[in-house]
Amino acid sequence: MMNYKGYIGKVEYDDENRIFTGSVINVRTVITFQGRTVDEIEDEFKASVDDYLEWCREDGIEPEKPYSGKFNVRFTPELHQQAAVGARILGISLNSFVEKSVRDELKAMSG
């Protein structure tokens, strides 16, 4: 993964065409890039993000921000209740409980 100006790029290798291809994964807008070397793919990633930001500025639109920090979560009523009770037991808000749970899960995934 690469990070530039808050935009995260994911790269894969296309062995058939012998080229790296990538896309920005933390926005809905399609932003892609490609290159034959590590240096080239990094440069093209940054250039693609800069091109996107320039295009937005020229068209007078606000660039899509990589995540606001807010999202809606849909639970079954039973899970919602269990989470709310768990948060109360820990003495934290439901939001903090969900955030802690996600952090713990991501930490477990990474090693």
PDB file of N, CA and C in Angstrom:
ATOM      1  N   MET A   1       0.831  -1.174   0.000  1.00  0.00           N
ATOM      2  CA  MET A   1       0.000   0.000   0.000  1.00  0.00           C
ATOM      3  C   MET A   1       0.884   1.249   0.000  1.00  0.00           C
ATOM      4  N   MET A   2       0.388   2.251  -0.678  1.00  0.00           N
ATOM      5  CA  MET A   2       1.102   3.531  -0.717  1.00  0.00           C
ATOM      6  C   MET A   2       0.153   4.609  -0.222  1.00  0.00           C
ATOM      7  N   ASN A   3       0.692   5.655   0.380  1.00  0.00           N
ATOM      8  CA  ASN A   3      -0.114   6.753   0.884  1.00  0.00           C
ATOM      9  C   ASN A   3       0.463   8.062   0.386  1.00  0.00           C
ATOM     10  N   TYR A   4      -0.409   8.902  -0.182  1.00  0.00           N
ATOM     11  CA  TYR A   4       0.007  10.208  -0.679  1.00  0.00           C
ATOM     12  C   TYR A   4      -1.161  11.169  -0.505  1.00  0.00           C
ATOM     13  N   LYS A   5      -0.947  12.225   0.280  1.00  0.00           N
ATOM     14  CA  LYS A   5      -1.971  13.237   0.537  1.00  0.00           C
ATOM     15  C   LYS A   5      -3.254  12.620   1.087  1.00  0.00           C
ATOM     16  N   GLY A   6      -3.106  11.532   1.839  1.00  0.00           N
ATOM     17  CA  GLY A   6      -4.255  10.870   2.434  1.00  0.00           C
ATOM     18  C   GLY A   6      -4.932   9.853   1.532  1.00  0.00           C
ATOM     19  N   TYR A   7      -4.500   9.742   0.286  1.00  0.00           N
ATOM     20  CA  TYR A   7      -5.062   8.769  -0.653  1.00  0.00           C
ATOM     21  C   TYR A   7      -4.207   7.508  -0.601  1.00  0.00           C
ATOM     22  N   ILE A   8      -4.866   6.351  -0.524  1.00  0.00           N
ATOM     23  CA  ILE A   8      -4.156   5.081  -0.391  1.00  0.00           C
ATOM     24  C   ILE A   8      -4.224   4.313  -1.703  1.00  0.00           C
ATOM     25  N   GLY A   9      -3.050   3.939  -2.206  1.00  0.00           N
ATOM     26  CA  GLY A   9      -2.969   3.186  -3.443  1.00  0.00           C
ATOM     27  C   GLY A   9      -2.615   1.737  -3.189  1.00  0.00           C
ATOM     28  N   LYS A  10      -3.315   0.864  -3.877  1.00  0.00           N
ATOM     29  CA  LYS A  10      -3.026  -0.574  -3.808  1.00  0.00           C
ATOM     30  C   LYS A  10      -2.490  -0.996  -5.160  1.00  0.00           C
ATOM     31  N   VAL A  11      -1.407  -1.760  -5.162  1.00  0.00           N
ATOM     32  CA  VAL A  11      -0.726  -2.158  -6.392  1.00  0.00           C
ATOM     33  C   VAL A  11      -0.745  -3.672  -6.530  1.00  0.00           C
ATOM     34  N   GLU A  12      -0.953  -4.132  -7.757  1.00  0.00           N
ATOM     35  CA  GLU A  12      -0.867  -5.549  -8.081  1.00  0.00           C
ATOM     36  C   GLU A  12       0.040  -5.696  -9.297  1.00  0.00           C
ATOM     37  N   TYR A  13       0.598  -6.883  -9.437  1.00  0.00           N
ATOM     38  CA  TYR A  13       1.464  -7.151 -10.583  1.00  0.00           C
ATOM     39  C   TYR A  13       0.697  -7.965 -11.609  1.00  0.00           C
ATOM     40  N   ASP A  14       0.685  -7.481 -12.836  1.00  0.00           N
ATOM     41  CA  ASP A  14       0.053  -8.183 -13.960  1.00  0.00           C
ATOM     42  C   ASP A  14       1.160  -8.949 -14.674  1.00  0.00           C
ATOM     43  N   ASP A  15       1.287 -10.253 -14.369  1.00  0.00           N
ATOM     44  CA  ASP A  15       2.399 -11.024 -14.934  1.00  0.00           C
ATOM     45  C   ASP A  15       2.236 -11.282 -16.427  1.00  0.00           C
ATOM     46  N   GLU A  16       1.001 -11.224 -16.911  1.00  0.00           N
ATOM     47  CA  GLU A  16       0.792 -11.425 -18.349  1.00  0.00           C
ATOM     48  C   GLU A  16       1.358 -10.249 -19.151  1.00  0.00           C
ATOM     49  N   ASN A  17       1.112  -9.032 -18.675  1.00  0.00           N
ATOM     50  CA  ASN A  17       1.603  -7.837 -19.366  1.00  0.00           C
ATOM     51  C   ASN A  17       2.900  -7.294 -18.765  1.00  0.00           C
ATOM     52  N   ARG A  18       3.366  -7.942 -17.690  1.00  0.00           N
ATOM     53  CA  ARG A  18       4.613  -7.559 -17.023  1.00  0.00           C
ATOM     54  C   ARG A  18       4.620  -6.082 -16.629  1.00  0.00           C
ATOM     55  N   ILE A  19       3.551  -5.695 -15.917  1.00  0.00           N
ATOM     56  CA  ILE A  19       3.410  -4.307 -15.491  1.00  0.00           C
ATOM     57  C   ILE A  19       2.693  -4.262 -14.137  1.00  0.00           C
ATOM     58  N   PHE A  20       3.020  -3.260 -13.354  1.00  0.00           N
ATOM     59  CA  PHE A  20       2.312  -3.016 -12.105  1.00  0.00           C
ATOM     60  C   PHE A  20       1.097  -2.150 -12.420  1.00  0.00           C
ATOM     61  N   THR A  21      -0.038  -2.511 -11.832  1.00  0.00           N
ATOM     62  CA  THR A  21      -1.246  -1.695 -11.975  1.00  0.00           C
ATOM     63  C   THR A  21      -1.738  -1.361 -10.577  1.00  0.00           C
ATOM     64  N   GLY A  22      -2.309  -0.191 -10.442  1.00  0.00           N
ATOM     65  CA  GLY A  22      -2.784   0.208  -9.124  1.00  0.00           C
ATOM     66  C   GLY A  22      -4.021   1.056  -9.204  1.00  0.00           C
ATOM     67  N   SER A  23      -4.651   1.190  -8.049  1.00  0.00           N
ATOM     68  CA  SER A  23      -5.817   2.059  -7.935  1.00  0.00           C
ATOM     69  C   SER A  23      -5.870   2.625  -6.526  1.00  0.00           C
ATOM     70  N   VAL A  24      -6.513   3.773  -6.414  1.00  0.00           N
ATOM     71  CA  VAL A  24      -6.737   4.395  -5.109  1.00  0.00           C
ATOM     72  C   VAL A  24      -7.949   3.699  -4.507  1.00  0.00           C
ATOM     73  N   ILE A  25      -7.805   3.199  -3.295  1.00  0.00           N
ATOM     74  CA  ILE A  25      -8.848   2.346  -2.723  1.00  0.00           C
ATOM     75  C   ILE A  25      -9.678   3.013  -1.635  1.00  0.00           C
ATOM     76  N   ASN A  26      -9.366   4.228  -1.241  1.00  0.00           N
ATOM     77  CA  ASN A  26     -10.128   4.826  -0.148  1.00  0.00           C
ATOM     78  C   ASN A  26     -11.025   5.988  -0.595  1.00  0.00           C
ATOM     79  N   VAL A  27     -11.428   5.962  -1.869  1.00  0.00           N
ATOM     80  CA  VAL A  27     -12.438   6.886  -2.393  1.00  0.00           C
ATOM     81  C   VAL A  27     -13.295   6.134  -3.404  1.00  0.00           C
ATOM     82  N   ARG A  28     -14.500   6.652  -3.653  1.00  0.00           N
ATOM     83  CA  ARG A  28     -15.359   6.018  -4.655  1.00  0.00           C
ATOM     84  C   ARG A  28     -14.934   6.380  -6.077  1.00  0.00           C
ATOM     85  N   THR A  29     -14.309   7.548  -6.247  1.00  0.00           N
ATOM     86  CA  THR A  29     -13.829   7.974  -7.555  1.00  0.00           C
ATOM     87  C   THR A  29     -12.796   6.971  -8.066  1.00  0.00           C
ATOM     88  N   VAL A  30     -12.859   6.656  -9.352  1.00  0.00           N
ATOM     89  CA  VAL A  30     -11.899   5.714  -9.929  1.00  0.00           C
ATOM     90  C   VAL A  30     -10.616   6.473 -10.278  1.00  0.00           C
ATOM     91  N   ILE A  31      -9.540   6.132  -9.591  1.00  0.00           N
ATOM     92  CA  ILE A  31      -8.217   6.715  -9.837  1.00  0.00           C
ATOM     93  C   ILE A  31      -7.263   5.539 -10.009  1.00  0.00           C
ATOM     94  N   THR A  32      -6.709   5.407 -11.214  1.00  0.00           N
ATOM     95  CA  THR A  32      -5.822   4.278 -11.498  1.00  0.00           C
ATOM     96  C   THR A  32      -4.455   4.786 -11.953  1.00  0.00           C
ATOM     97  N   PHE A  33      -3.493   3.873 -11.955  1.00  0.00           N
ATOM     98  CA  PHE A  33      -2.129   4.203 -12.383  1.00  0.00           C
ATOM     99  C   PHE A  33      -1.412   2.906 -12.700  1.00  0.00           C
ATOM    100  N   GLN A  34      -0.307   3.022 -13.439  1.00  0.00           N
ATOM    101  CA  GLN A  34       0.486   1.839 -13.778  1.00  0.00           C
ATOM    102  C   GLN A  34       1.933   2.217 -14.002  1.00  0.00           C
ATOM    103  N   GLY A  35       2.806   1.222 -13.920  1.00  0.00           N
ATOM    104  CA  GLY A  35       4.223   1.436 -14.141  1.00  0.00           C
ATOM    105  C   GLY A  35       4.957   0.118 -14.243  1.00  0.00           C
ATOM    106  N   ARG A  36       6.166   0.167 -14.761  1.00  0.00           N
ATOM    107  CA  ARG A  36       6.969  -1.052 -14.951  1.00  0.00           C
ATOM    108  C   ARG A  36       7.982  -1.285 -13.827  1.00  0.00           C
ATOM    109  N   THR A  37       8.266  -0.244 -13.054  1.00  0.00           N
ATOM    110  CA  THR A  37       9.219  -0.383 -11.948  1.00  0.00           C
ATOM    111  C   THR A  37       8.577   0.175 -10.675  1.00  0.00           C
ATOM    112  N   VAL A  38       9.209  -0.105  -9.550  1.00  0.00           N
ATOM    113  CA  VAL A  38       8.703   0.418  -8.281  1.00  0.00           C
ATOM    114  C   VAL A  38       8.730   1.945  -8.306  1.00  0.00           C
ATOM    115  N   ASP A  39       9.829   2.519  -8.753  1.00  0.00           N
ATOM    116  CA  ASP A  39       9.912   3.981  -8.811  1.00  0.00           C
ATOM    117  C   ASP A  39       8.837   4.557  -9.725  1.00  0.00           C
ATOM    118  N   GLU A  40       8.624   3.915 -10.867  1.00  0.00           N
ATOM    119  CA  GLU A  40       7.631   4.407 -11.820  1.00  0.00           C
ATOM    120  C   GLU A  40       6.221   4.311 -11.253  1.00  0.00           C
ATOM    121  N   ILE A  41       5.885   3.206 -10.581  1.00  0.00           N
ATOM    122  CA  ILE A  41       4.531   3.060 -10.036  1.00  0.00           C
ATOM    123  C   ILE A  41       4.300   4.079  -8.923  1.00  0.00           C
ATOM    124  N   GLU A  42       5.322   4.344  -8.112  1.00  0.00           N
ATOM    125  CA  GLU A  42       5.190   5.361  -7.065  1.00  0.00           C
ATOM    126  C   GLU A  42       4.982   6.741  -7.671  1.00  0.00           C
ATOM    127  N   ASP A  43       5.760   7.073  -8.693  1.00  0.00           N
ATOM    128  CA  ASP A  43       5.614   8.375  -9.362  1.00  0.00           C
ATOM    129  C   ASP A  43       4.241   8.507 -10.021  1.00  0.00           C
ATOM    130  N   GLU A  44       3.775   7.439 -10.668  1.00  0.00           N
ATOM    131  CA  GLU A  44       2.482   7.478 -11.355  1.00  0.00           C
ATOM    132  C   GLU A  44       1.321   7.571 -10.369  1.00  0.00           C
ATOM    133  N   PHE A  45       1.458   6.932  -9.220  1.00  0.00           N
ATOM    134  CA  PHE A  45       0.453   7.048  -8.169  1.00  0.00           C
ATOM    135  C   PHE A  45       0.313   8.503  -7.744  1.00  0.00           C
ATOM    136  N   LYS A  46       1.425   9.141  -7.431  1.00  0.00           N
ATOM    137  CA  LYS A  46       1.392  10.541  -7.008  1.00  0.00           C
ATOM    138  C   LYS A  46       0.858  11.436  -8.117  1.00  0.00           C
ATOM    139  N   ALA A  47       1.277  11.180  -9.348  1.00  0.00           N
ATOM    140  CA  ALA A  47       0.801  11.981 -10.481  1.00  0.00           C
ATOM    141  C   ALA A  47      -0.702  11.816 -10.674  1.00  0.00           C
ATOM    142  N   SER A  48      -1.224  10.616 -10.495  1.00  0.00           N
ATOM    143  CA  SER A  48      -2.662  10.376 -10.652  1.00  0.00           C
ATOM    144  C   SER A  48      -3.459  11.109  -9.581  1.00  0.00           C
ATOM    145  N   VAL A  49      -2.979  11.091  -8.354  1.00  0.00           N
ATOM    146  CA  VAL A  49      -3.654  11.835  -7.278  1.00  0.00           C
ATOM    147  C   VAL A  49      -3.603  13.324  -7.578  1.00  0.00           C
ATOM    148  N   ASP A  50      -2.433  13.823  -7.971  1.00  0.00           N
ATOM    149  CA  ASP A  50      -2.308  15.252  -8.304  1.00  0.00           C
ATOM    150  C   ASP A  50      -3.205  15.623  -9.482  1.00  0.00           C
ATOM    151  N   ASP A  51      -3.289  14.760 -10.494  1.00  0.00           N
ATOM    152  CA  ASP A  51      -4.174  15.015 -11.642  1.00  0.00           C
ATOM    153  C   ASP A  51      -5.627  15.087 -11.197  1.00  0.00           C
ATOM    154  N   TYR A  52      -6.026  14.175 -10.333  1.00  0.00           N
ATOM    155  CA  TYR A  52      -7.394  14.183  -9.821  1.00  0.00           C
ATOM    156  C   TYR A  52      -7.685  15.483  -9.074  1.00  0.00           C
ATOM    157  N   LEU A  53      -6.778  15.900  -8.204  1.00  0.00           N
ATOM    158  CA  LEU A  53      -6.980  17.131  -7.438  1.00  0.00           C
ATOM    159  C   LEU A  53      -7.017  18.347  -8.351  1.00  0.00           C
ATOM    160  N   GLU A  54      -6.163  18.369  -9.379  1.00  0.00           N
ATOM    161  CA  GLU A  54      -6.149  19.464 -10.353  1.00  0.00           C
ATOM    162  C   GLU A  54      -7.446  19.489 -11.159  1.00  0.00           C
ATOM    163  N   TRP A  55      -7.918  18.319 -11.577  1.00  0.00           N
ATOM    164  CA  TRP A  55      -9.172  18.229 -12.328  1.00  0.00           C
ATOM    165  C   TRP A  55     -10.324  18.773 -11.487  1.00  0.00           C
ATOM    166  N   CYS A  56     -10.361  18.422 -10.217  1.00  0.00           N
ATOM    167  CA  CYS A  56     -11.413  18.928  -9.326  1.00  0.00           C
ATOM    168  C   CYS A  56     -11.337  20.442  -9.206  1.00  0.00           C
ATOM    169  N   ARG A  57     -10.128  20.977  -9.038  1.00  0.00           N
ATOM    170  CA  ARG A  57      -9.949  22.424  -8.915  1.00  0.00           C
ATOM    171  C   ARG A  57     -10.401  23.127 -10.183  1.00  0.00           C
ATOM    172  N   GLU A  58     -10.027  22.603 -11.341  1.00  0.00           N
ATOM    173  CA  GLU A  58     -10.412  23.219 -12.610  1.00  0.00           C
ATOM    174  C   GLU A  58     -11.922  23.202 -12.827  1.00  0.00           C
ATOM    175  N   ASP A  59     -12.586  22.123 -12.378  1.00  0.00           N
ATOM    176  CA  ASP A  59     -14.042  22.006 -12.539  1.00  0.00           C
ATOM    177  C   ASP A  59     -14.816  22.643 -11.398  1.00  0.00           C
ATOM    178  N   GLY A  60     -14.095  23.180 -10.416  1.00  0.00           N
ATOM    179  CA  GLY A  60     -14.746  23.852  -9.305  1.00  0.00           C
ATOM    180  C   GLY A  60     -15.532  22.923  -8.385  1.00  0.00           C
ATOM    181  N   ILE A  61     -15.072  21.675  -8.287  1.00  0.00           N
ATOM    182  CA  ILE A  61     -15.753  20.734  -7.389  1.00  0.00           C
ATOM    183  C   ILE A  61     -14.814  20.347  -6.253  1.00  0.00           C
ATOM    184  N   GLU A  62     -15.424  19.950  -5.163  1.00  0.00           N
ATOM    185  CA  GLU A  62     -14.655  19.537  -3.994  1.00  0.00           C
ATOM    186  C   GLU A  62     -14.142  18.118  -4.211  1.00  0.00           C
ATOM    187  N   PRO A  63     -12.834  17.880  -4.081  1.00  0.00           N
ATOM    188  CA  PRO A  63     -12.324  16.513  -4.232  1.00  0.00           C
ATOM    189  C   PRO A  63     -12.914  15.611  -3.157  1.00  0.00           C
ATOM    190  N   GLU A  64     -13.117  14.381  -3.522  1.00  0.00           N
ATOM    191  CA  GLU A  64     -13.610  13.419  -2.550  1.00  0.00           C
ATOM    192  C   GLU A  64     -12.549  13.225  -1.481  1.00  0.00           C
ATOM    193  N   LYS A  65     -12.949  13.364  -0.245  1.00  0.00           N
ATOM    194  CA  LYS A  65     -12.020  13.194   0.872  1.00  0.00           C
ATOM    195  C   LYS A  65     -11.917  11.714   1.223  1.00  0.00           C
ATOM    196  N   PRO A  66     -10.711  11.261   1.523  1.00  0.00           N
ATOM    197  CA  PRO A  66     -10.553   9.868   1.952  1.00  0.00           C
ATOM    198  C   PRO A  66     -11.129   9.659   3.351  1.00  0.00           C
ATOM    199  N   TYR A  67     -12.388   9.341   3.437  1.00  0.00           N
ATOM    200  CA  TYR A  67     -13.099   8.985   4.654  1.00  0.00           C
ATOM    201  C   TYR A  67     -13.193  10.130   5.665  1.00  0.00           C
ATOM    202  N   SER A  68     -14.394  10.344   6.111  1.00  0.00           N
ATOM    203  CA  SER A  68     -14.678  11.427   7.057  1.00  0.00           C
ATOM    204  C   SER A  68     -14.511  10.994   8.502  1.00  0.00           C
ATOM    205  N   GLY A  69     -14.512   9.685   8.748  1.00  0.00           N
ATOM    206  CA  GLY A  69     -14.468   9.197  10.117  1.00  0.00           C
ATOM    207  C   GLY A  69     -15.857   8.841  10.636  1.00  0.00           C
ATOM    208  N   LYS A  70     -16.870   9.044   9.806  1.00  0.00           N
ATOM    209  CA  LYS A  70     -18.244   8.715  10.197  1.00  0.00           C
ATOM    210  C   LYS A  70     -18.802   7.672   9.243  1.00  0.00           C
ATOM    211  N   PHE A  71     -19.503   6.684   9.806  1.00  0.00           N
ATOM    212  CA  PHE A  71     -20.202   5.719   8.972  1.00  0.00           C
ATOM    213  C   PHE A  71     -21.326   5.089   9.786  1.00  0.00           C
ATOM    214  N   ASN A  72     -22.343   4.646   9.103  1.00  0.00           N
ATOM    215  CA  ASN A  72     -23.471   3.988   9.762  1.00  0.00           C
ATOM    216  C   ASN A  72     -23.225   2.490   9.805  1.00  0.00           C
ATOM    217  N   VAL A  73     -23.566   1.892  10.924  1.00  0.00           N
ATOM    218  CA  VAL A  73     -23.439   0.454  11.083  1.00  0.00           C
ATOM    219  C   VAL A  73     -24.833  -0.106  11.339  1.00  0.00           C
ATOM    220  N   ARG A  74     -25.184  -1.166  10.628  1.00  0.00           N
ATOM    221  CA  ARG A  74     -26.476  -1.805  10.838  1.00  0.00           C
ATOM    222  C   ARG A  74     -26.257  -3.151  11.526  1.00  0.00           C
ATOM    223  N   PHE A  75     -26.870  -3.292  12.696  1.00  0.00           N
ATOM    224  CA  PHE A  75     -26.827  -4.519  13.463  1.00  0.00           C
ATOM    225  C   PHE A  75     -28.232  -5.096  13.552  1.00  0.00           C
ATOM    226  N   THR A  76     -28.314  -6.360  13.895  1.00  0.00           N
ATOM    227  CA  THR A  76     -29.610  -6.898  14.292  1.00  0.00           C
ATOM    228  C   THR A  76     -29.963  -6.237  15.628  1.00  0.00           C
ATOM    229  N   PRO A  77     -31.235  -6.152  15.965  1.00  0.00           N
ATOM    230  CA  PRO A  77     -31.596  -5.568  17.264  1.00  0.00           C
ATOM    231  C   PRO A  77     -30.910  -6.276  18.439  1.00  0.00           C
ATOM    232  N   GLU A  78     -30.761  -7.588  18.332  1.00  0.00           N
ATOM    233  CA  GLU A  78     -30.121  -8.340  19.415  1.00  0.00           C
ATOM    234  C   GLU A  78     -28.650  -7.958  19.575  1.00  0.00           C
ATOM    235  N   LEU A  79     -27.929  -7.856  18.456  1.00  0.00           N
ATOM    236  CA  LEU A  79     -26.511  -7.474  18.529  1.00  0.00           C
ATOM    237  C   LEU A  79     -26.369  -6.034  18.996  1.00  0.00           C
ATOM    238  N   HIS A  80     -27.262  -5.160  18.566  1.00  0.00           N
ATOM    239  CA  HIS A  80     -27.252  -3.769  19.004  1.00  0.00           C
ATOM    240  C   HIS A  80     -27.375  -3.718  20.526  1.00  0.00           C
ATOM    241  N   GLN A  81     -28.310  -4.494  21.076  1.00  0.00           N
ATOM    242  CA  GLN A  81     -28.503  -4.528  22.520  1.00  0.00           C
ATOM    243  C   GLN A  81     -27.261  -5.066  23.223  1.00  0.00           C
ATOM    244  N   GLN A  82     -26.707  -6.154  22.707  1.00  0.00           N
ATOM    245  CA  GLN A  82     -25.511  -6.740  23.323  1.00  0.00           C
ATOM    246  C   GLN A  82     -24.348  -5.755  23.316  1.00  0.00           C
ATOM    247  N   ALA A  83     -24.175  -5.040  22.217  1.00  0.00           N
ATOM    248  CA  ALA A  83     -23.093  -4.054  22.129  1.00  0.00           C
ATOM    249  C   ALA A  83     -23.329  -2.910  23.108  1.00  0.00           C
ATOM    250  N   ALA A  84     -24.568  -2.448  23.196  1.00  0.00           N
ATOM    251  CA  ALA A  84     -24.887  -1.356  24.118  1.00  0.00           C
ATOM    252  C   ALA A  84     -24.652  -1.771  25.567  1.00  0.00           C
ATOM    253  N   VAL A  85     -25.041  -2.993  25.903  1.00  0.00           N
ATOM    254  CA  VAL A  85     -24.812  -3.501  27.260  1.00  0.00           C
ATOM    255  C   VAL A  85     -23.313  -3.661  27.514  1.00  0.00           C
ATOM    256  N   GLY A  86     -22.588  -4.195  26.531  1.00  0.00           N
ATOM    257  CA  GLY A  86     -21.134  -4.328  26.671  1.00  0.00           C
ATOM    258  C   GLY A  86     -20.459  -2.988  26.895  1.00  0.00           C
ATOM    259  N   ALA A  87     -20.902  -1.975  26.180  1.00  0.00           N
ATOM    260  CA  ALA A  87     -20.341  -0.622  26.345  1.00  0.00           C
ATOM    261  C   ALA A  87     -20.620  -0.105  27.749  1.00  0.00           C
ATOM    262  N   ARG A  88     -21.843  -0.308  28.219  1.00  0.00           N
ATOM    263  CA  ARG A  88     -22.205   0.134  29.570  1.00  0.00           C
ATOM    264  C   ARG A  88     -21.352  -0.545  30.628  1.00  0.00           C
ATOM    265  N   ILE A  89     -21.160  -1.857  30.460  1.00  0.00           N
ATOM    266  CA  ILE A  89     -20.341  -2.606  31.421  1.00  0.00           C
ATOM    267  C   ILE A  89     -18.933  -2.027  31.484  1.00  0.00           C
ATOM    268  N   LEU A  90     -18.399  -1.659  30.316  1.00  0.00           N
ATOM    269  CA  LEU A  90     -17.045  -1.077  30.266  1.00  0.00           C
ATOM    270  C   LEU A  90     -17.025   0.402  30.638  1.00  0.00           C
ATOM    271  N   GLY A  91     -18.199   1.002  30.752  1.00  0.00           N
ATOM    272  CA  GLY A  91     -18.263   2.426  31.117  1.00  0.00           C
ATOM    273  C   GLY A  91     -17.866   3.352  29.979  1.00  0.00           C
ATOM    274  N   ILE A  92     -18.119   2.906  28.737  1.00  0.00           N
ATOM    275  CA  ILE A  92     -17.781   3.732  27.576  1.00  0.00           C
ATOM    276  C   ILE A  92     -19.011   3.878  26.690  1.00  0.00           C
ATOM    277  N   SER A  93     -18.940   4.800  25.754  1.00  0.00           N
ATOM    278  CA  SER A  93     -20.048   4.996  24.822  1.00  0.00           C
ATOM    279  C   SER A  93     -20.109   3.835  23.833  1.00  0.00           C
ATOM    280  N   LEU A  94     -21.276   3.670  23.223  1.00  0.00           N
ATOM    281  CA  LEU A  94     -21.418   2.643  22.197  1.00  0.00           C
ATOM    282  C   LEU A  94     -20.439   2.915  21.059  1.00  0.00           C
ATOM    283  N   ASN A  95     -20.270   4.170  20.679  1.00  0.00           N
ATOM    284  CA  ASN A  95     -19.318   4.526  19.618  1.00  0.00           C
ATOM    285  C   ASN A  95     -17.903   4.079  19.994  1.00  0.00           C
ATOM    286  N   SER A  96     -17.490   4.361  21.236  1.00  0.00           N
ATOM    287  CA  SER A  96     -16.155   3.952  21.686  1.00  0.00           C
ATOM    288  C   SER A  96     -16.024   2.429  21.722  1.00  0.00           C
ATOM    289  N   PHE A  97     -17.105   1.745  22.093  1.00  0.00           N
ATOM    290  CA  PHE A  97     -17.104   0.285  22.126  1.00  0.00           C
ATOM    291  C   PHE A  97     -16.884  -0.289  20.727  1.00  0.00           C
ATOM    292  N   VAL A  98     -17.616   0.245  19.750  1.00  0.00           N
ATOM    293  CA  VAL A  98     -17.468  -0.233  18.372  1.00  0.00           C
ATOM    294  C   VAL A  98     -16.068   0.099  17.851  1.00  0.00           C
ATOM    295  N   GLU A  99     -15.587   1.319  18.121  1.00  0.00           N
ATOM    296  CA  GLU A  99     -14.244   1.705  17.681  1.00  0.00           C
ATOM    297  C   GLU A  99     -13.189   0.779  18.290  1.00  0.00           C
ATOM    298  N   LYS A 100     -13.306   0.491  19.589  1.00  0.00           N
ATOM    299  CA  LYS A 100     -12.359  -0.410  20.256  1.00  0.00           C
ATOM    300  C   LYS A 100     -12.417  -1.808  19.635  1.00  0.00           C
ATOM    301  N   SER A 101     -13.626  -2.284  19.358  1.00  0.00           N
ATOM    302  CA  SER A 101     -13.776  -3.612  18.767  1.00  0.00           C
ATOM    303  C   SER A 101     -13.108  -3.694  17.393  1.00  0.00           C
ATOM    304  N   VAL A 102     -13.293  -2.660  16.585  1.00  0.00           N
ATOM    305  CA  VAL A 102     -12.673  -2.637  15.255  1.00  0.00           C
ATOM    306  C   VAL A 102     -11.158  -2.570  15.388  1.00  0.00           C
ATOM    307  N   ARG A 103     -10.655  -1.705  16.274  1.00  0.00           N
ATOM    308  CA  ARG A 103      -9.201  -1.615  16.486  1.00  0.00           C
ATOM    309  C   ARG A 103      -8.622  -2.964  16.920  1.00  0.00           C
ATOM    310  N   ASP A 104      -9.294  -3.617  17.865  1.00  0.00           N
ATOM    311  CA  ASP A 104      -8.814  -4.919  18.350  1.00  0.00           C
ATOM    312  C   ASP A 104      -8.789  -5.940  17.222  1.00  0.00           C
ATOM    313  N   GLU A 105      -9.814  -5.946  16.390  1.00  0.00           N
ATOM    314  CA  GLU A 105      -9.876  -6.904  15.281  1.00  0.00           C
ATOM    315  C   GLU A 105      -8.774  -6.630  14.263  1.00  0.00           C
ATOM    316  N   LEU A 106      -8.547  -5.348  13.939  1.00  0.00           N
ATOM    317  CA  LEU A 106      -7.494  -4.995  12.981  1.00  0.00           C
ATOM    318  C   LEU A 106      -6.116  -5.353  13.528  1.00  0.00           C
ATOM    319  N   LYS A 107      -5.926  -5.140  14.827  1.00  0.00           N
ATOM    320  CA  LYS A 107      -4.648  -5.502  15.471  1.00  0.00           C
ATOM    321  C   LYS A 107      -4.436  -7.007  15.388  1.00  0.00           C
ATOM    322  N   ALA A 108      -5.482  -7.794  15.621  1.00  0.00           N
ATOM    323  CA  ALA A 108      -5.386  -9.251  15.550  1.00  0.00           C
ATOM    324  C   ALA A 108      -5.073  -9.698  14.125  1.00  0.00           C
ATOM    325  N   MET A 109      -5.608  -9.010  13.151  1.00  0.00           N
ATOM    326  CA  MET A 109      -5.359  -9.368  11.747  1.00  0.00           C
ATOM    327  C   MET A 109      -3.920  -9.113  11.340  1.00  0.00           C
ATOM    328  N   SER A 110      -3.323  -8.068  11.902  1.00  0.00           N
ATOM    329  CA  SER A 110      -1.972  -7.680  11.481  1.00  0.00           C
ATOM    330  C   SER A 110      -0.879  -8.445  12.197  1.00  0.00           C
ATOM    331  N   GLY A 111      -1.234  -9.280  13.116  1.00  0.00           N
ATOM    332  CA  GLY A 111      -0.160 -10.081  13.620  1.00  0.00           C
ATOM    333  C   GLY A 111      -0.172 -10.386  15.040  1.00  0.00           C
TER     334      GLY A 111
END
